[in-house]
């Protein structure tokens, strides 16, 4: 079996927005299909990536598109993660 990939999902599910729920559901279906994704809801993954906090390493980040997420994507790439 391939190595488990840790993926941070930066989508706020507190807001009653259907597309947030659909994005999350789609990531979970894909993770189940892949069989090697460990998805974690982490609205503050950007903070973890910027500070290099131990134990918060992600192989990828799934987030809404915006300026802050673009900065997070740049930090993730520098740390070897993939921004999705």
C-alpha atoms as a PDB file:
ATOM      1  CA  UNK A   1       0.000   0.000   0.000  1.00  0.00           C
ATOM      2  CA  UNK A   2       1.317   3.499  -0.823  1.00  0.00           C
ATOM      3  CA  UNK A   3       2.547   5.795   1.919  1.00  0.00           C
ATOM      4  CA  UNK A   4      -0.194   7.660   3.780  1.00  0.00           C
ATOM      5  CA  UNK A   5      -0.551  11.290   2.728  1.00  0.00           C
ATOM      6  CA  UNK A   6      -1.638  13.910   5.260  1.00  0.00           C
ATOM      7  CA  UNK A   7      -3.902  16.510   3.706  1.00  0.00           C
ATOM      8  CA  UNK A   8      -5.089  19.661   5.474  1.00  0.00           C
ATOM      9  CA  UNK A   9      -8.552  20.856   4.508  1.00  0.00           C
ATOM     10  CA  UNK A  10      -8.971  24.565   5.139  1.00  0.00           C
ATOM     11  CA  UNK A  11     -12.696  24.893   4.526  1.00  0.00           C
ATOM     12  CA  UNK A  12     -14.942  26.390   7.186  1.00  0.00           C
ATOM     13  CA  UNK A  13     -17.862  24.008   7.585  1.00  0.00           C
ATOM     14  CA  UNK A  14     -19.434  26.223  10.272  1.00  0.00           C
ATOM     15  CA  UNK A  15     -20.898  28.414   7.540  1.00  0.00           C
ATOM     16  CA  UNK A  16     -24.062  26.945   6.013  1.00  0.00           C
ATOM     17  CA  UNK A  17     -22.671  27.089   2.483  1.00  0.00           C
ATOM     18  CA  UNK A  18     -23.614  24.123   0.346  1.00  0.00           C
ATOM     19  CA  UNK A  19     -20.488  24.323  -1.818  1.00  0.00           C
ATOM     20  CA  UNK A  20     -18.248  24.079   1.275  1.00  0.00           C
ATOM     21  CA  UNK A  21     -20.040  20.892   2.230  1.00  0.00           C
ATOM     22  CA  UNK A  22     -19.810  19.581  -1.334  1.00  0.00           C
ATOM     23  CA  UNK A  23     -16.088  20.303  -1.531  1.00  0.00           C
ATOM     24  CA  UNK A  24     -15.529  18.521   1.760  1.00  0.00           C
ATOM     25  CA  UNK A  25     -17.680  15.540   0.688  1.00  0.00           C
ATOM     26  CA  UNK A  26     -15.763  15.334  -2.599  1.00  0.00           C
ATOM     27  CA  UNK A  27     -12.403  15.316  -0.830  1.00  0.00           C
ATOM     28  CA  UNK A  28     -13.620  12.530   1.444  1.00  0.00           C
ATOM     29  CA  UNK A  29     -14.813  10.433  -1.516  1.00  0.00           C
ATOM     30  CA  UNK A  30     -11.465  10.937  -3.226  1.00  0.00           C
ATOM     31  CA  UNK A  31      -9.567  10.084  -0.033  1.00  0.00           C
ATOM     32  CA  UNK A  32     -11.578   6.884   0.317  1.00  0.00           C
ATOM     33  CA  UNK A  33     -10.919   6.021  -3.326  1.00  0.00           C
ATOM     34  CA  UNK A  34      -7.183   6.644  -2.927  1.00  0.00           C
ATOM     35  CA  UNK A  35      -7.021   4.696   0.299  1.00  0.00           C
ATOM     36  CA  UNK A  36      -3.912   6.499   1.489  1.00  0.00           C
ATOM     37  CA  UNK A  37      -5.156  10.000   2.315  1.00  0.00           C
ATOM     38  CA  UNK A  38      -5.545  11.111   5.917  1.00  0.00           C
ATOM     39  CA  UNK A  39      -7.611  14.296   5.741  1.00  0.00           C
ATOM     40  CA  UNK A  40      -7.722  16.716   8.624  1.00  0.00           C
ATOM     41  CA  UNK A  41      -9.926  19.792   8.908  1.00  0.00           C
ATOM     42  CA  UNK A  42      -7.459  22.473   9.934  1.00  0.00           C
ATOM     43  CA  UNK A  43      -8.549  26.059   9.367  1.00  0.00           C
ATOM     44  CA  UNK A  44      -5.194  27.173  10.746  1.00  0.00           C
ATOM     45  CA  UNK A  45      -2.945  24.972   8.616  1.00  0.00           C
ATOM     46  CA  UNK A  46      -1.413  28.141   7.198  1.00  0.00           C
ATOM     47  CA  UNK A  47      -0.246  29.176  10.653  1.00  0.00           C
ATOM     48  CA  UNK A  48       1.236  25.715  11.207  1.00  0.00           C
ATOM     49  CA  UNK A  49       3.020  25.825   7.866  1.00  0.00           C
ATOM     50  CA  UNK A  50       4.347  29.358   8.412  1.00  0.00           C
ATOM     51  CA  UNK A  51       5.712  28.619  11.866  1.00  0.00           C
ATOM     52  CA  UNK A  52       6.931  25.114  11.010  1.00  0.00           C
ATOM     53  CA  UNK A  53       5.129  23.737  14.080  1.00  0.00           C
ATOM     54  CA  UNK A  54       6.216  20.179  14.734  1.00  0.00           C
ATOM     55  CA  UNK A  55       3.617  17.531  13.993  1.00  0.00           C
ATOM     56  CA  UNK A  56       1.724  19.780  11.596  1.00  0.00           C
ATOM     57  CA  UNK A  57       3.425  18.690   8.404  1.00  0.00           C
ATOM     58  CA  UNK A  58       1.043  18.138   5.538  1.00  0.00           C
ATOM     59  CA  UNK A  59       1.645  16.603   2.159  1.00  0.00           C
ATOM     60  CA  UNK A  60      -1.037  18.834   0.672  1.00  0.00           C
ATOM     61  CA  UNK A  61      -3.493  21.591   1.450  1.00  0.00           C
ATOM     62  CA  UNK A  62      -6.995  21.997   0.066  1.00  0.00           C
ATOM     63  CA  UNK A  63      -8.395  25.485   0.598  1.00  0.00           C
ATOM     64  CA  UNK A  64     -10.634  28.095  -0.908  1.00  0.00           C
ATOM     65  CA  UNK A  65      -8.942  30.391  -3.373  1.00  0.00           C
ATOM     66  CA  UNK A  66      -8.001  33.817  -2.056  1.00  0.00           C
ATOM     67  CA  UNK A  67      -4.999  35.985  -1.215  1.00  0.00           C
ATOM     68  CA  UNK A  68      -4.340  34.324   2.119  1.00  0.00           C
ATOM     69  CA  UNK A  69      -4.574  30.875   0.539  1.00  0.00           C
ATOM     70  CA  UNK A  70      -2.131  31.903  -2.185  1.00  0.00           C
ATOM     71  CA  UNK A  71       0.372  32.876   0.519  1.00  0.00           C
ATOM     72  CA  UNK A  72      -0.251  29.582   2.293  1.00  0.00           C
ATOM     73  CA  UNK A  73       0.266  27.744  -1.001  1.00  0.00           C
ATOM     74  CA  UNK A  74       3.626  29.458  -1.474  1.00  0.00           C
ATOM     75  CA  UNK A  75       4.712  28.495   2.049  1.00  0.00           C
ATOM     76  CA  UNK A  76       3.488  24.926   1.540  1.00  0.00           C
ATOM     77  CA  UNK A  77       5.485  24.589  -1.678  1.00  0.00           C
ATOM     78  CA  UNK A  78       8.638  25.893   0.018  1.00  0.00           C
ATOM     79  CA  UNK A  79       8.171  23.297   2.758  1.00  0.00           C
ATOM     80  CA  UNK A  80       7.675  20.512   0.219  1.00  0.00           C
ATOM     81  CA  UNK A  81       3.875  20.218   0.423  1.00  0.00           C
ATOM     82  CA  UNK A  82       1.526  20.491  -2.509  1.00  0.00           C
ATOM     83  CA  UNK A  83      -1.120  23.164  -2.517  1.00  0.00           C
ATOM     84  CA  UNK A  84      -4.386  21.901  -4.016  1.00  0.00           C
END
